[in-house]
Protein backbone atom coordinates (compact mmCIF):
# COMPACT_ATOMS: atom_id res chain seq x y z
CA MET A 1 16.08 -31.31 17.43
CA ALA A 2 17.14 -29.21 20.49
CA GLN A 3 14.93 -26.21 21.86
CA ALA A 4 12.09 -26.63 19.03
CA GLU A 5 9.83 -25.08 21.03
CA ASN A 6 10.98 -22.04 20.94
CA THR A 7 11.68 -22.18 17.09
CA VAL A 8 9.62 -20.89 14.44
CA LYS A 9 8.79 -22.49 11.06
CA ILE A 10 9.71 -20.94 7.62
CA THR A 11 8.24 -22.33 4.55
CA SER A 12 10.93 -20.25 2.16
CA VAL A 13 14.09 -21.35 1.75
CA LEU A 14 16.76 -19.65 0.83
CA SER A 15 20.31 -21.32 -0.92
CA LEU A 16 22.53 -23.02 1.37
CA GLU A 17 25.57 -25.63 0.60
CA LYS A 18 23.57 -28.91 1.07
CA SER A 19 25.54 -30.11 4.00
CA GLU A 20 24.21 -26.97 6.01
CA ASN A 21 21.15 -27.50 8.03
CA PHE A 22 20.01 -24.41 9.91
CA ILE A 23 16.77 -22.61 11.83
CA ILE A 24 16.16 -19.22 12.80
CA LYS A 25 16.35 -19.17 16.69
CA ARG A 26 13.33 -17.23 17.32
CA SER A 27 10.45 -16.64 20.20
CA PHE A 28 7.24 -17.38 18.68
CA ASN A 29 6.61 -12.46 18.85
CA GLY A 30 9.42 -13.15 16.36
CA SER A 31 12.19 -11.53 19.05
CA LEU A 32 16.08 -12.89 18.64
CA LEU A 33 16.58 -15.41 21.36
CA ASN A 34 19.87 -15.19 23.21
CA HIS A 35 21.90 -17.84 21.34
CA ASN A 36 24.96 -17.97 23.84
CA ASN A 37 26.89 -20.99 21.92
CA LEU A 38 24.48 -22.85 20.53
CA GLY A 39 24.98 -21.59 16.97
CA LEU A 40 26.87 -19.24 14.88
CA ALA A 41 25.89 -16.07 12.92
CA TRP A 42 25.12 -16.64 9.01
CA GLN A 43 24.43 -13.53 7.13
CA GLY A 44 23.68 -11.43 10.44
CA VAL A 45 20.97 -14.19 11.34
CA PHE A 46 21.77 -16.29 14.63
CA VAL A 47 20.99 -19.76 13.75
CA LEU A 48 21.16 -23.27 15.32
CA LYS A 49 22.31 -26.48 13.82
CA CYS A 50 19.43 -29.07 12.69
CA LYS A 51 18.90 -32.57 12.12
CA PRO A 52 19.76 -33.36 7.91
CA GLN A 53 15.90 -34.54 8.06
CA ASP A 54 14.10 -31.43 9.35
CA ASN A 55 11.95 -29.68 6.79
CA ILE A 56 12.85 -26.27 8.61
CA ALA A 57 14.16 -23.14 6.44
CA ILE A 58 15.70 -19.86 6.97
CA VAL A 59 14.98 -16.34 6.77
CA THR A 60 17.60 -13.19 7.18
CA GLU A 61 17.10 -9.96 9.27
CA PRO A 62 16.45 -6.71 7.30
CA GLN A 63 19.80 -5.39 7.00
CA PHE A 64 19.93 -0.75 8.20
CA ILE A 65 22.72 1.26 6.58
CA GLN A 66 22.55 5.08 8.12
CA ILE A 67 24.23 7.51 5.92
CA TYR A 68 22.39 10.63 6.58
CA GLN A 69 23.91 12.39 10.20
CA HIS A 70 22.14 15.56 11.54
CA ASN A 71 24.65 18.25 11.27
CA ALA A 72 23.11 21.03 13.46
CA ALA A 73 24.87 23.30 12.29
CA ASP A 74 24.22 23.22 8.50
CA VAL A 75 20.67 22.62 9.33
CA ALA A 76 20.55 26.14 11.20
CA LEU A 77 22.63 27.49 8.03
CA GLU A 78 19.58 26.38 5.20
CA LEU A 79 17.10 27.75 7.55
CA LEU A 80 18.67 30.85 8.15
CA GLN A 81 19.50 31.19 4.52
CA GLY A 82 15.50 30.95 3.24
CA LEU A 83 14.41 32.95 6.35
CA SER A 84 16.62 35.90 5.47
CA ALA A 85 16.06 36.08 2.13
CA LEU A 86 13.77 38.80 0.38
CA GLN A 87 10.66 36.62 0.41
CA ALA A 88 11.40 34.09 3.30
CA TYR A 89 11.18 30.39 2.89
CA THR A 90 11.75 26.90 4.03
CA SER A 91 12.34 23.36 2.42
CA PRO A 92 9.15 21.38 3.07
CA LYS A 93 11.04 18.79 4.39
CA TYR A 94 11.03 20.97 7.66
CA LEU A 95 7.15 19.97 7.76
CA TYR A 96 7.64 16.39 8.41
CA ASP A 97 9.02 16.16 11.97
CA ALA A 98 7.57 13.13 14.11
CA LEU A 99 4.19 15.54 14.82
CA GLY A 100 4.28 16.84 11.17
CA SER A 101 4.53 13.35 10.05
CA ARG A 102 1.13 12.16 12.02
CA LEU A 103 -0.72 15.34 10.66
CA PHE A 104 -0.04 14.55 7.48
CA GLU A 105 -1.26 10.56 7.53
CA ALA A 106 -4.52 12.47 9.04
CA ILE A 107 -4.50 14.80 6.28
CA THR A 108 -4.62 12.19 3.81
CA GLU A 109 -7.74 10.81 5.45
CA LEU A 110 -9.41 14.00 4.70
CA PRO A 111 -12.54 14.08 2.17
CA GLU A 112 -10.88 17.19 0.44
CA TYR A 113 -7.73 15.24 0.02
CA ASP A 114 -8.24 12.21 -2.35
CA LEU A 115 -4.37 12.04 -3.58
CA THR A 116 -3.57 9.24 -1.85
CA ARG A 117 -6.96 7.13 -1.99
CA THR A 118 -6.64 7.93 -6.04
CA GLU A 119 -3.39 6.54 -5.77
CA ALA A 120 -3.94 3.12 -4.02
CA ALA A 121 -7.40 2.41 -6.05
CA LEU A 122 -5.01 2.73 -9.54
CA MET A 123 -2.64 0.25 -8.03
CA HIS A 124 -4.84 -2.16 -6.87
CA GLN A 125 -7.08 -1.47 -10.03
CA HIS A 126 -4.39 -1.99 -12.80
CA SER A 127 -2.26 -4.02 -10.40
CA LYS A 128 -2.09 -7.10 -13.37
CA ASP A 129 -1.41 -4.71 -16.15
CA MET A 130 1.57 -3.33 -13.92
CA ALA A 131 3.07 -7.11 -13.26
CA ALA A 132 2.79 -7.10 -16.73
CA CYS A 133 5.15 -4.47 -17.38
CA LEU A 134 7.73 -4.43 -14.24
CA PRO A 135 10.39 -6.80 -14.42
CA ARG A 136 9.36 -9.88 -12.26
CA ALA A 137 11.80 -11.32 -9.24
CA ALA A 138 13.37 -7.94 -9.44
CA CYS A 139 14.90 -5.29 -6.49
CA TRP A 140 12.41 -2.56 -5.30
CA ILE A 141 14.09 0.71 -3.88
CA ASP A 142 11.16 2.32 -2.09
CA LEU A 143 11.76 6.01 -1.88
CA GLY A 144 10.68 8.04 1.06
CA ALA A 145 9.14 4.94 2.15
CA GLY A 146 8.16 5.68 5.53
CA ASN A 147 6.01 3.36 6.92
CA CYS A 148 6.03 0.40 3.85
CA GLU A 149 2.11 0.37 3.63
CA LYS A 150 2.17 1.18 0.07
CA ALA A 151 5.48 -0.95 -1.12
CA GLY A 152 4.42 -3.51 1.13
CA ARG A 153 0.88 -4.52 -0.40
CA LEU A 154 2.93 -4.47 -3.82
CA LEU A 155 5.83 -7.11 -2.63
CA GLY A 156 3.94 -9.95 -3.47
CA PRO A 157 1.71 -9.26 -6.80
CA MET A 158 4.95 -8.06 -7.99
CA ASN A 159 6.81 -10.84 -7.07
CA VAL A 160 9.62 -8.85 -4.93
CA ALA A 161 12.55 -10.71 -4.62
CA ARG A 162 14.56 -7.65 -2.96
CA TYR A 163 13.22 -4.28 -1.23
CA VAL A 164 15.17 -1.74 0.37
CA ALA A 165 13.31 1.05 2.08
CA VAL A 166 14.53 4.51 1.57
CA ASP A 167 14.38 7.60 4.43
CA ILE A 168 16.03 9.93 6.08
CA SER A 169 16.53 7.71 9.05
CA VAL A 170 16.61 4.22 9.03
CA ASP A 171 14.58 4.31 12.22
CA PHE A 172 11.11 5.81 10.09
CA VAL A 173 11.57 2.10 8.44
CA ARG A 174 12.50 -0.57 10.86
CA GLN A 175 9.51 -1.48 12.94
CA ALA A 176 7.82 -1.79 9.10
CA LEU A 177 10.52 -3.80 8.01
CA ALA A 178 10.36 -6.08 10.63
CA THR A 179 6.94 -6.71 9.92
CA LEU A 180 7.17 -6.87 6.21
CA GLN A 181 10.14 -9.56 6.51
CA ARG A 182 8.05 -11.81 9.25
CA GLN A 183 5.33 -11.37 6.16
CA HIS A 184 7.85 -12.22 3.68
CA PRO A 185 10.30 -14.31 4.64
CA SER A 186 12.01 -15.15 1.40
CA VAL A 187 12.35 -11.66 0.74
CA ARG A 188 16.04 -9.90 1.09
CA MET A 189 15.21 -6.54 2.72
CA ALA A 190 17.21 -3.26 3.93
CA GLY A 191 17.10 0.08 5.15
CA LEU A 192 18.48 2.80 4.20
CA GLY A 193 18.83 5.89 5.55
CA THR A 194 20.08 9.17 3.35
CA ASP A 195 18.22 12.23 2.36
CA PHE A 196 17.61 11.87 -1.57
CA SER A 197 16.21 15.12 -2.33
CA GLY A 198 19.61 16.32 -4.07
CA GLY A 199 19.70 13.18 -6.04
CA LEU A 200 20.29 9.49 -5.30
CA GLU A 201 23.25 7.20 -4.17
CA LEU A 202 22.95 4.16 -3.83
CA PRO A 203 26.13 3.00 -1.76
CA GLU A 204 28.22 -0.38 -1.88
CA ALA A 205 27.14 -1.23 1.40
CA LEU A 206 23.81 -2.26 -0.07
CA ALA A 207 25.79 -5.04 -2.30
CA LEU A 208 23.06 -4.83 -5.03
CA ASP A 209 23.00 -7.66 -7.42
CA PRO A 210 24.43 -6.13 -10.82
CA ALA A 211 22.52 -8.65 -12.57
CA GLN A 212 18.98 -8.37 -10.66
CA ALA A 213 16.62 -5.82 -12.75
CA ARG A 214 15.84 -2.71 -10.37
CA VAL A 215 12.58 -1.25 -9.80
CA LEU A 216 12.38 2.45 -8.47
CA PHE A 217 9.45 3.27 -6.44
CA TYR A 218 8.27 6.64 -5.80
CA PRO A 219 4.78 7.66 -5.18
CA GLY A 220 2.75 9.61 -3.51
CA SER A 221 3.53 12.49 -6.02
CA SER A 222 6.25 14.01 -3.84
CA ILE A 223 8.31 14.75 -7.41
CA GLY A 224 5.66 18.03 -7.33
CA ASN A 225 8.00 19.12 -4.62
CA PHE A 226 10.48 20.25 -7.23
CA THR A 227 10.76 22.76 -9.05
CA PRO A 228 10.94 21.35 -12.81
CA SER A 229 14.17 21.45 -13.34
CA GLN A 230 14.87 20.53 -9.85
CA ALA A 231 13.08 17.95 -10.76
CA LEU A 232 15.37 16.75 -14.52
CA GLU A 233 17.48 16.44 -12.08
CA PHE A 234 16.32 14.48 -9.75
CA LEU A 235 15.19 12.04 -12.42
CA SER A 236 18.36 11.95 -14.02
CA SER A 237 19.69 10.59 -10.86
CA LEU A 238 16.96 8.16 -10.44
CA HIS A 239 17.90 7.14 -14.20
CA ARG A 240 21.76 6.58 -13.05
CA ALA A 241 20.45 4.80 -10.05
CA CYS A 242 18.35 2.25 -12.27
CA GLY A 243 21.66 0.58 -14.01
CA ASN A 244 24.14 1.66 -11.58
CA LEU A 245 25.44 2.21 -7.90
CA ARG A 246 27.51 5.24 -6.98
CA THR A 247 29.58 5.65 -10.03
CA GLY A 248 27.48 7.17 -12.60
CA GLN A 249 28.80 4.78 -15.02
CA LYS A 250 27.09 3.05 -17.85
CA ALA A 251 24.78 0.41 -16.48
CA VAL A 252 26.36 -2.91 -17.02
CA HIS A 253 23.94 -5.59 -15.40
CA SER A 254 21.85 -7.86 -17.52
CA ASN A 255 18.82 -7.03 -16.67
CA ALA A 256 19.36 -3.15 -16.73
CA ALA A 257 16.82 -2.54 -19.83
CA SER A 258 14.01 -4.08 -18.21
CA SER A 259 14.76 -1.63 -14.97
CA GLY A 260 12.72 1.57 -14.59
CA LEU A 261 10.80 4.04 -12.42
CA LEU A 262 7.48 3.43 -11.02
CA ILE A 263 6.42 6.89 -9.91
CA GLY A 264 2.59 8.40 -8.54
CA VAL A 265 2.26 12.04 -9.98
CA ASP A 266 -0.61 14.39 -9.19
CA LEU A 267 -2.25 16.10 -12.29
CA VAL A 268 -3.84 19.50 -13.31
CA LYS A 269 -7.44 19.90 -11.89
CA ASP A 270 -10.11 22.55 -11.28
CA ALA A 271 -8.16 25.18 -8.97
CA ALA A 272 -11.20 25.55 -6.39
CA GLN A 273 -10.44 21.47 -6.09
CA LEU A 274 -6.85 22.13 -5.86
CA GLU A 275 -6.66 24.50 -3.24
CA ALA A 276 -9.71 22.57 -1.07
CA ALA A 277 -7.24 20.05 -1.12
CA TYR A 278 -4.24 22.18 0.38
CA ASP A 279 -6.73 24.56 3.08
CA ASP A 280 -9.63 21.62 4.43
CA ALA A 281 -12.57 22.68 6.37
CA LEU A 282 -11.12 20.59 9.35
CA GLY A 283 -7.72 22.92 9.07
CA VAL A 284 -5.70 19.58 9.32
CA THR A 285 -3.38 21.51 6.73
CA ALA A 286 -3.44 24.17 8.55
CA ALA A 287 -1.72 22.80 11.51
CA PHE A 288 0.58 20.60 9.61
CA ASN A 289 2.00 24.10 8.17
CA LEU A 290 1.97 26.14 11.13
CA ASN A 291 4.03 22.90 13.09
CA LEU A 292 6.93 24.03 10.89
CA LEU A 293 7.07 26.74 13.31
CA ARG A 294 7.52 24.56 16.21
CA HIS A 295 9.80 22.85 14.81
CA ILE A 296 12.04 25.80 13.45
CA ASN A 297 12.08 26.74 17.49
CA ARG A 298 13.43 23.54 18.29
CA LEU A 299 16.47 23.52 15.41
CA LEU A 300 17.24 27.18 15.53
CA GLY A 301 16.16 28.42 19.14
CA SER A 302 13.64 30.98 17.19
CA ASP A 303 10.94 32.45 19.34
CA PHE A 304 7.84 31.63 16.04
CA ALA A 305 5.09 32.52 18.05
CA LEU A 306 1.58 30.28 16.41
CA ARG A 307 -0.66 32.81 17.02
CA ASP A 308 0.86 35.36 14.93
CA TRP A 309 0.78 33.44 11.81
CA ARG A 310 -1.88 31.98 9.42
CA HIS A 311 -2.02 29.45 7.07
CA LEU A 312 -2.03 30.30 3.22
CA SER A 313 -2.63 28.08 0.19
CA ARG A 314 -3.10 29.40 -3.40
CA PHE A 315 -3.13 28.14 -6.78
CA ASP A 316 -0.48 29.63 -9.10
CA ARG A 317 -1.42 29.07 -12.51
CA VAL A 318 1.02 30.43 -14.26
CA HIS A 319 3.68 27.85 -12.71
CA SER A 320 1.01 25.42 -12.40
CA ARG A 321 1.60 24.59 -8.57
CA ILE A 322 -0.24 24.93 -5.28
CA GLU A 323 1.84 27.23 -2.77
CA MET A 324 1.76 26.89 1.30
CA HIS A 325 2.22 29.93 3.22
CA LEU A 326 2.70 30.96 6.00
CA GLN A 327 1.12 34.81 6.41
CA ALA A 328 1.94 37.01 9.17
CA ARG A 329 -1.37 38.04 10.68
CA HIS A 330 0.28 41.25 11.96
CA ALA A 331 3.60 43.20 12.56
CA CYS A 332 5.52 41.38 14.17
CA THR A 333 9.31 40.53 14.93
CA VAL A 334 11.30 37.19 15.17
CA THR A 335 14.64 36.43 16.72
CA TRP A 336 16.75 33.98 16.29
CA GLN A 337 20.87 33.04 17.27
CA GLY A 338 21.54 36.78 17.76
CA SER A 339 19.78 38.07 15.07
CA GLN A 340 16.28 39.19 14.28
CA ARG A 341 13.68 39.34 11.37
CA SER A 342 10.99 42.10 11.33
CA PHE A 343 8.10 40.60 9.17
CA ALA A 344 4.97 43.14 7.93
CA ALA A 345 1.39 42.58 8.27
CA GLY A 346 0.63 40.14 5.22
CA GLU A 347 4.02 39.24 4.56
CA THR A 348 4.55 35.41 4.38
CA ILE A 349 7.14 32.74 4.40
CA HIS A 350 7.04 30.24 1.61
CA THR A 351 7.18 26.27 2.81
CA GLU A 352 5.98 24.45 -0.05
CA ASN A 353 5.20 23.37 -3.71
CA ALA A 354 3.57 20.97 -5.03
CA TYR A 355 3.43 21.47 -8.88
CA LYS A 356 1.02 19.22 -10.74
CA TRP A 357 1.94 17.97 -14.09
CA THR A 358 -0.17 17.01 -16.93
CA VAL A 359 0.47 13.71 -18.51
CA ALA A 360 2.08 14.68 -21.83
CA GLY A 361 4.57 17.24 -19.78
CA PHE A 362 5.82 14.69 -17.24
CA THR A 363 6.21 12.21 -20.08
CA ALA A 364 8.33 14.57 -22.10
CA HIS A 365 10.04 15.32 -18.77
CA LEU A 366 11.21 11.46 -17.90
CA GLN A 367 12.31 11.31 -21.40
CA ALA A 368 14.42 14.19 -20.76
CA ALA A 369 15.87 12.67 -17.80
CA GLY A 370 17.04 9.33 -20.46
CA PHE A 371 13.84 7.05 -19.67
CA ALA A 372 12.58 5.25 -22.71
CA PRO A 373 8.39 5.34 -23.06
CA GLY A 374 6.68 3.16 -21.57
CA HIS A 375 2.53 2.99 -19.53
CA VAL A 376 0.93 5.42 -18.28
CA TRP A 377 -2.53 4.87 -16.21
CA THR A 378 -4.88 7.60 -14.77
CA ASP A 379 -8.12 7.46 -12.63
CA SER A 380 -11.10 8.08 -15.19
CA ALA A 381 -11.01 11.84 -13.89
CA GLU A 382 -7.47 11.62 -14.99
CA ARG A 383 -6.96 13.92 -11.33
CA PHE A 384 -3.80 10.77 -10.82
CA ALA A 385 -1.05 9.19 -12.69
CA VAL A 386 1.25 6.49 -12.21
CA PHE A 387 4.17 5.93 -14.82
CA TRP A 388 6.32 3.05 -15.65
CA ALA A 389 9.04 4.26 -17.23
CA PRO A 390 11.83 1.91 -18.54
CA ALA A 391 15.43 2.78 -17.89
């Protein structure tokens, strides 16, 4: 076979016409070579013809679809509305610029913040039980995928046939998907760049198979950033996405009953433990919160001075939530886009909520959103739960 030294043998075979025998033209580091006139495009992959006796298989490259487009005017309007409110606030999504995302990864390594480790241990400990409950050969839709690490550990054990990594930008998942595709060549993969915080819509461009069950995967307890009413609306959109494309019509695929939501939820626990998790001794969470002001300065052209503010977190027992604030150390005035606001000493900007649930309370919320009773797994101390909710 021509140029066999420049090809990589793949062990997983996709369905092809019997008369077609192809090989992916790849260098050994996984990048596509210049195909010139030697091959042709097949489902987005450059391939070369092979001899019929060659035992070579084929794998597709990940598909990337970017829907969300940054609009500076819309971002400025959203920020200014919040910062001008009587109780100033911002959306927690603005905590996650490039530095904020790295700081959050550091937070997950802290001894005070055991949510990520507890969830990972639960997934590992109960993986066989989960696999028995979840549909096999399903399409997994990973919400807020980031580095795709959590879902990546489950693709094999859960026999995933297709994987869609969803984040605000496909650039966040591009490298991770390229790595996962090499590790799981038979799994069709896609990256979807969209802001799903207002509800999930799956574009027709994904060409989802209506006969394939879907597992919507939402780990990490990010559902806690929603108020209970917002969470209900969001969960309802996920229920629709389990069986539909964009239309919101009744589910039509034959595996609709097998589809569902696999979601991680942080549970109510001792207030001191919760407050320590959001105000660690090393000050990483404080840096994460304060970095928001740097991000706002870039987005608005404002002049927040970090030295004027301190990190504040507290557990609101009435609403069962951790609140994160930035508190003015002294009276200060901040200007932005031809306007300004004066903050009194002690006044705060509310930057994030993290609602904590009980198993019974979240189960009821899932059912109110349209999901059927399913399964729940908790750690021995009942600090964290993973719910499987059939659609």
